[in-house]
N, C-alpha and C. Protein backbone atom coordinates (compact mmCIF):
# COMPACT_ATOMS: atom_id res chain seq x y z
N MET A 1 0.85 -1.18 0.00
CA MET A 1 0.00 0.00 0.00
C MET A 1 0.89 1.24 0.00
N ALA A 2 0.58 2.19 -0.84
CA ALA A 2 1.37 3.42 -0.96
C ALA A 2 1.10 4.34 0.22
N SER A 3 2.11 5.07 0.62
CA SER A 3 1.98 6.04 1.71
C SER A 3 1.21 7.26 1.24
N ALA A 4 0.31 7.77 2.09
CA ALA A 4 -0.47 8.97 1.75
C ALA A 4 0.39 10.23 1.84
N HIS A 5 1.48 10.17 2.60
CA HIS A 5 2.34 11.35 2.77
C HIS A 5 3.47 11.31 1.75
N THR A 6 3.64 12.41 1.05
CA THR A 6 4.74 12.52 0.09
C THR A 6 5.69 13.61 0.55
N THR A 7 6.86 13.65 -0.05
CA THR A 7 7.84 14.66 0.33
C THR A 7 7.49 16.02 -0.27
N GLN A 8 6.64 16.04 -1.28
CA GLN A 8 6.25 17.29 -1.92
C GLN A 8 4.89 17.72 -1.37
N THR A 9 4.78 19.00 -0.97
CA THR A 9 3.51 19.49 -0.44
C THR A 9 2.58 19.86 -1.59
N PRO A 10 1.30 19.49 -1.50
CA PRO A 10 0.38 19.77 -2.59
C PRO A 10 0.00 21.25 -2.74
N PHE A 11 0.14 22.03 -1.67
CA PHE A 11 -0.25 23.44 -1.71
C PHE A 11 0.91 24.33 -1.30
N ASN A 12 1.04 25.48 -1.95
CA ASN A 12 2.05 26.46 -1.54
C ASN A 12 1.61 27.19 -0.28
N ARG A 13 0.31 27.52 -0.22
CA ARG A 13 -0.18 28.30 0.91
C ARG A 13 -1.65 27.95 1.14
N LEU A 14 -2.01 27.79 2.42
CA LEU A 14 -3.40 27.56 2.82
C LEU A 14 -3.77 28.58 3.88
N LEU A 15 -5.02 29.03 3.86
CA LEU A 15 -5.55 29.93 4.88
C LEU A 15 -6.51 29.15 5.76
N LEU A 16 -6.25 29.17 7.06
CA LEU A 16 -7.14 28.54 8.04
C LEU A 16 -7.78 29.65 8.86
N THR A 17 -9.08 29.87 8.68
CA THR A 17 -9.79 30.87 9.46
C THR A 17 -10.34 30.21 10.71
N GLY A 18 -10.53 31.00 11.77
CA GLY A 18 -10.99 30.44 13.04
C GLY A 18 -9.92 29.59 13.70
N ALA A 19 -8.66 29.92 13.46
CA ALA A 19 -7.54 29.10 13.89
C ALA A 19 -7.36 29.03 15.41
N ALA A 20 -7.92 29.98 16.16
CA ALA A 20 -7.76 29.98 17.61
C ALA A 20 -8.76 29.07 18.31
N GLY A 21 -9.80 28.64 17.59
CA GLY A 21 -10.83 27.79 18.18
C GLY A 21 -10.39 26.34 18.32
N GLY A 22 -11.26 25.54 18.89
CA GLY A 22 -10.95 24.13 19.13
C GLY A 22 -10.64 23.37 17.85
N LEU A 23 -11.52 23.47 16.86
CA LEU A 23 -11.29 22.78 15.59
C LEU A 23 -10.09 23.38 14.86
N GLY A 24 -9.94 24.70 14.95
CA GLY A 24 -8.81 25.36 14.32
C GLY A 24 -7.47 24.86 14.85
N LYS A 25 -7.41 24.62 16.15
CA LYS A 25 -6.17 24.11 16.76
C LYS A 25 -5.84 22.71 16.25
N VAL A 26 -6.86 21.88 16.08
CA VAL A 26 -6.64 20.53 15.56
C VAL A 26 -6.21 20.60 14.09
N LEU A 27 -6.91 21.42 13.31
CA LEU A 27 -6.58 21.53 11.88
C LEU A 27 -5.21 22.15 11.66
N ARG A 28 -4.79 23.02 12.56
CA ARG A 28 -3.46 23.65 12.45
C ARG A 28 -2.38 22.58 12.38
N GLU A 29 -2.45 21.61 13.25
CA GLU A 29 -1.46 20.52 13.25
C GLU A 29 -1.67 19.58 12.07
N THR A 30 -2.92 19.31 11.75
CA THR A 30 -3.24 18.36 10.69
C THR A 30 -2.84 18.86 9.31
N LEU A 31 -3.00 20.16 9.05
CA LEU A 31 -2.75 20.72 7.72
C LEU A 31 -1.28 21.03 7.43
N ARG A 32 -0.46 21.13 8.45
CA ARG A 32 0.95 21.53 8.25
C ARG A 32 1.69 20.68 7.21
N PRO A 33 1.52 19.37 7.18
CA PRO A 33 2.26 18.58 6.19
C PRO A 33 1.81 18.81 4.74
N TYR A 34 0.66 19.44 4.54
CA TYR A 34 0.08 19.59 3.21
C TYR A 34 0.38 20.92 2.54
N THR A 35 1.10 21.80 3.20
CA THR A 35 1.34 23.12 2.63
C THR A 35 2.72 23.64 3.02
N LYS A 36 3.29 24.47 2.16
CA LYS A 36 4.57 25.10 2.49
C LYS A 36 4.37 26.17 3.55
N VAL A 37 3.29 26.96 3.42
CA VAL A 37 2.99 28.03 4.38
C VAL A 37 1.53 27.91 4.79
N LEU A 38 1.29 27.85 6.09
CA LEU A 38 -0.06 27.81 6.63
C LEU A 38 -0.34 29.16 7.27
N ARG A 39 -1.27 29.90 6.68
CA ARG A 39 -1.66 31.21 7.23
C ARG A 39 -2.83 31.00 8.17
N LEU A 40 -2.67 31.46 9.40
CA LEU A 40 -3.68 31.28 10.45
C LEU A 40 -4.34 32.61 10.74
N SER A 41 -5.65 32.62 10.76
CA SER A 41 -6.38 33.86 10.99
C SER A 41 -7.50 33.63 12.00
N ASP A 42 -7.70 34.62 12.87
CA ASP A 42 -8.82 34.61 13.80
C ASP A 42 -9.01 36.02 14.33
N ILE A 43 -10.15 36.25 14.94
CA ILE A 43 -10.47 37.56 15.49
C ILE A 43 -9.85 37.75 16.88
N VAL A 44 -9.41 36.66 17.50
CA VAL A 44 -8.80 36.71 18.83
C VAL A 44 -7.33 36.30 18.75
N GLU A 45 -6.57 36.67 19.77
CA GLU A 45 -5.15 36.30 19.82
C GLU A 45 -5.01 34.78 19.84
N MET A 46 -3.92 34.30 19.26
CA MET A 46 -3.66 32.87 19.25
C MET A 46 -2.17 32.62 19.47
N VAL A 47 -1.83 31.37 19.56
CA VAL A 47 -0.44 30.97 19.76
C VAL A 47 0.39 31.50 18.58
N PRO A 48 1.58 32.07 18.85
CA PRO A 48 2.42 32.58 17.77
C PRO A 48 2.84 31.48 16.78
N ALA A 49 3.30 31.90 15.63
CA ALA A 49 3.79 30.96 14.62
C ALA A 49 4.92 30.13 15.20
N VAL A 50 4.92 28.84 14.89
CA VAL A 50 5.95 27.95 15.43
C VAL A 50 7.26 28.05 14.66
N ASP A 51 7.18 28.44 13.38
CA ASP A 51 8.38 28.60 12.56
C ASP A 51 8.00 29.35 11.28
N ASP A 52 8.90 29.37 10.31
CA ASP A 52 8.66 30.11 9.07
C ASP A 52 7.57 29.50 8.19
N SER A 53 7.10 28.32 8.54
CA SER A 53 6.05 27.68 7.73
C SER A 53 4.65 28.13 8.15
N GLU A 54 4.56 29.02 9.15
CA GLU A 54 3.27 29.55 9.60
C GLU A 54 3.28 31.08 9.59
N GLU A 55 2.12 31.66 9.29
CA GLU A 55 1.90 33.10 9.39
C GLU A 55 0.64 33.29 10.22
N VAL A 56 0.71 34.12 11.25
CA VAL A 56 -0.43 34.38 12.13
C VAL A 56 -0.94 35.79 11.88
N GLN A 57 -2.23 35.90 11.61
CA GLN A 57 -2.86 37.19 11.35
C GLN A 57 -4.12 37.31 12.19
N VAL A 58 -4.09 38.20 13.19
CA VAL A 58 -5.27 38.46 14.00
C VAL A 58 -6.05 39.58 13.33
N CYS A 59 -7.25 39.27 12.85
CA CYS A 59 -8.10 40.27 12.20
C CYS A 59 -9.52 39.76 12.09
N ASP A 60 -10.43 40.69 11.87
CA ASP A 60 -11.83 40.38 11.62
C ASP A 60 -12.00 40.32 10.11
N LEU A 61 -12.29 39.15 9.58
CA LEU A 61 -12.42 39.00 8.13
C LEU A 61 -13.60 39.77 7.56
N ALA A 62 -14.52 40.21 8.42
CA ALA A 62 -15.64 41.04 7.97
C ALA A 62 -15.21 42.49 7.73
N ASP A 63 -14.03 42.87 8.24
CA ASP A 63 -13.49 44.22 8.08
C ASP A 63 -12.54 44.22 6.88
N LYS A 64 -13.00 44.70 5.73
CA LYS A 64 -12.17 44.62 4.53
C LYS A 64 -10.89 45.44 4.64
N ASN A 65 -10.82 46.43 5.52
CA ASN A 65 -9.58 47.18 5.73
C ASN A 65 -8.54 46.36 6.49
N ALA A 66 -8.99 45.36 7.24
CA ALA A 66 -8.07 44.52 8.01
C ALA A 66 -7.49 43.39 7.17
N VAL A 67 -8.14 43.08 6.07
CA VAL A 67 -7.71 41.97 5.21
C VAL A 67 -6.88 42.53 4.06
N HIS A 68 -5.66 42.03 3.89
CA HIS A 68 -4.82 42.51 2.80
C HIS A 68 -4.81 41.48 1.71
């Protein structure tokens, strides 16, 4: 049986919204192997980026001035 994990990541960048919540915390760890950069976003403060493969952005996605 072939391994589901490959050495090449299928995505360059993924955005995870609601990253500070319970499901967001689980998905943060789960999605890391699938992307070169995981961008984490939430309206509340969250754990800082663990390394260069994560970007943390605290903002309200309903506020278009906060979203770049």
